[in-house]
Amino acid sequence: MYYVEHMLQHMGKVDIVLPCATQNEVSGDKAQALIKAGAYVVVEGSNMGCAQDAIDVFERTRKKTAGKQPVWYAPGKAANCGGVAVSGLEMAQNNQVGSPSGDMLTKKKKKED
């Protein structure tokens, strides 16, 4: 993968879009261009990678093309929920004096069951 300056001018066929860099990376105009290029799945890898006008374009297209070639949009909150949970665990472990060993975690899990 690579970043292309002014990507809309160089875009070919697109199936899946994964905006991962920053907030509001995909605007309404970019969303329309992505759909025109064939995109049918948009999954945010970053928090709020799509601006609200882009989300509106994706949802409007999905409703309009029901049963044909809809555009499926997954917001970052849904697409990244596992990462947030693991990140929380890592933060908790990092705040402890030492990191627990695998045996310690297994024993703790068995005790909880």
Protein backbone atom coordinates (compact mmCIF):
# COMPACT_ATOMS: atom_id res chain seq x y z
CA MET A 1 0.00 0.00 0.00
CA TYR A 2 1.12 3.52 -0.59
CA TYR A 3 -0.22 7.05 -0.39
CA VAL A 4 -0.90 8.85 -3.64
CA GLU A 5 -1.20 12.63 -3.62
CA HIS A 6 -4.55 13.62 -5.14
CA MET A 7 -5.71 10.00 -5.17
CA LEU A 8 -8.98 10.75 -6.93
CA GLN A 9 -7.10 11.58 -10.12
CA HIS A 10 -5.26 8.22 -10.11
CA MET A 11 -7.92 5.86 -8.79
CA GLY A 12 -8.72 2.68 -10.67
CA LYS A 13 -11.12 -0.09 -9.61
CA VAL A 14 -11.79 -0.21 -5.86
CA ASP A 15 -13.51 -2.98 -3.89
CA ILE A 16 -12.70 -2.35 -0.22
CA VAL A 17 -11.81 0.95 1.44
CA LEU A 18 -9.94 1.07 4.78
CA PRO A 19 -9.44 4.68 5.90
CA CYS A 20 -6.84 4.32 8.65
CA ALA A 21 -4.79 7.50 8.88
CA THR A 22 -6.75 10.32 10.43
CA GLN A 23 -10.17 11.76 11.17
CA ASN A 24 -12.34 12.92 8.27
CA GLU A 25 -9.97 11.35 5.73
CA VAL A 26 -12.89 10.51 3.43
CA SER A 27 -15.13 13.44 2.47
CA GLY A 28 -18.47 13.31 0.68
CA ASP A 29 -16.77 13.98 -2.67
CA LYS A 30 -14.24 11.20 -2.05
CA ALA A 31 -17.06 8.86 -1.01
CA GLN A 32 -18.89 9.47 -4.29
CA ALA A 33 -15.67 8.88 -6.25
CA LEU A 34 -15.01 5.64 -4.34
CA ILE A 35 -18.51 4.36 -5.09
CA LYS A 36 -18.12 5.31 -8.74
CA ALA A 37 -14.87 3.29 -8.74
CA GLY A 38 -16.78 0.23 -7.45
CA ALA A 39 -16.22 0.31 -3.67
CA TYR A 40 -18.77 -1.79 -1.82
CA VAL A 41 -17.16 -2.18 1.64
CA VAL A 42 -15.89 0.70 3.78
CA VAL A 43 -14.35 -0.21 7.16
CA GLU A 44 -12.84 2.53 9.28
CA GLY A 45 -9.46 1.58 10.70
CA SER A 46 -9.13 4.94 12.43
CA ASN A 47 -11.59 6.67 14.70
CA MET A 48 -13.96 8.74 12.55
CA GLY A 49 -12.01 8.15 9.32
CA CYS A 50 -15.06 9.23 7.31
CA ALA A 51 -16.61 12.67 7.58
CA GLN A 52 -20.36 12.76 8.23
CA ASP A 53 -21.11 13.76 4.64
CA ALA A 54 -19.23 10.65 3.45
CA ILE A 55 -21.22 8.43 5.82
CA ASP A 56 -24.42 10.00 4.49
CA VAL A 57 -23.33 9.16 0.92
CA PHE A 58 -22.57 5.54 1.87
CA GLU A 59 -25.86 5.08 3.72
CA ARG A 60 -27.93 6.75 0.99
CA THR A 61 -26.29 4.50 -1.61
CA ARG A 62 -26.86 1.39 0.52
CA LYS A 63 -30.57 2.17 0.90
CA LYS A 64 -30.99 3.10 -2.76
CA THR A 65 -29.29 -0.05 -4.10
CA ALA A 66 -30.80 -2.59 -1.68
CA GLY A 67 -30.34 -6.07 -3.07
CA LYS A 68 -28.04 -5.02 -5.93
CA GLN A 69 -24.58 -3.69 -5.12
CA PRO A 70 -24.95 -1.92 -1.76
CA VAL A 71 -22.14 -0.12 0.02
CA TRP A 72 -21.55 -1.57 3.48
CA TYR A 73 -20.06 0.87 5.99
CA ALA A 74 -18.54 -0.17 9.36
CA PRO A 75 -17.67 2.69 11.71
CA GLY A 76 -14.45 2.60 13.68
CA LYS A 77 -16.29 2.02 16.97
CA ALA A 78 -17.58 -1.30 15.65
CA ALA A 79 -14.59 -2.28 13.52
CA ASN A 80 -12.02 -1.58 16.26
CA CYS A 81 -13.84 -2.81 19.38
CA GLY A 82 -11.44 -5.73 19.93
CA GLY A 83 -8.44 -3.46 19.68
CA VAL A 84 -9.85 -1.14 22.32
CA ALA A 85 -10.41 -4.04 24.74
CA VAL A 86 -6.88 -5.38 24.27
CA SER A 87 -5.44 -1.89 24.57
CA GLY A 88 -7.24 -1.50 27.90
CA LEU A 89 -5.73 -4.77 29.14
CA GLU A 90 -2.25 -3.66 28.05
CA MET A 91 -2.67 -0.32 29.82
CA ALA A 92 -3.73 -2.08 33.03
CA GLN A 93 -0.75 -4.43 32.83
CA ASN A 94 1.65 -1.56 32.15
CA ASN A 95 0.39 0.27 35.24
CA GLN A 96 1.27 -2.67 37.46
CA VAL A 97 4.71 -2.96 39.04
CA GLY A 98 5.54 -5.96 36.83
CA SER A 99 3.94 -7.71 33.92
CA PRO A 100 2.16 -10.95 34.82
CA SER A 101 3.57 -14.16 33.42
CA GLY A 102 1.50 -16.54 31.29
CA ASP A 103 1.28 -18.97 34.24
CA MET A 104 0.00 -16.22 36.52
CA LEU A 105 -2.74 -15.27 34.04
CA THR A 106 -3.74 -18.94 33.60
CA LYS A 107 -3.96 -19.47 37.38
CA LYS A 108 -5.97 -16.28 37.80
CA LYS A 109 -8.36 -17.34 35.02
CA LYS A 110 -8.86 -20.80 36.58
CA LYS A 111 -9.53 -19.22 39.96
CA GLU A 112 -12.21 -16.95 38.40
CA ASP A 113 -13.94 -19.92 36.72
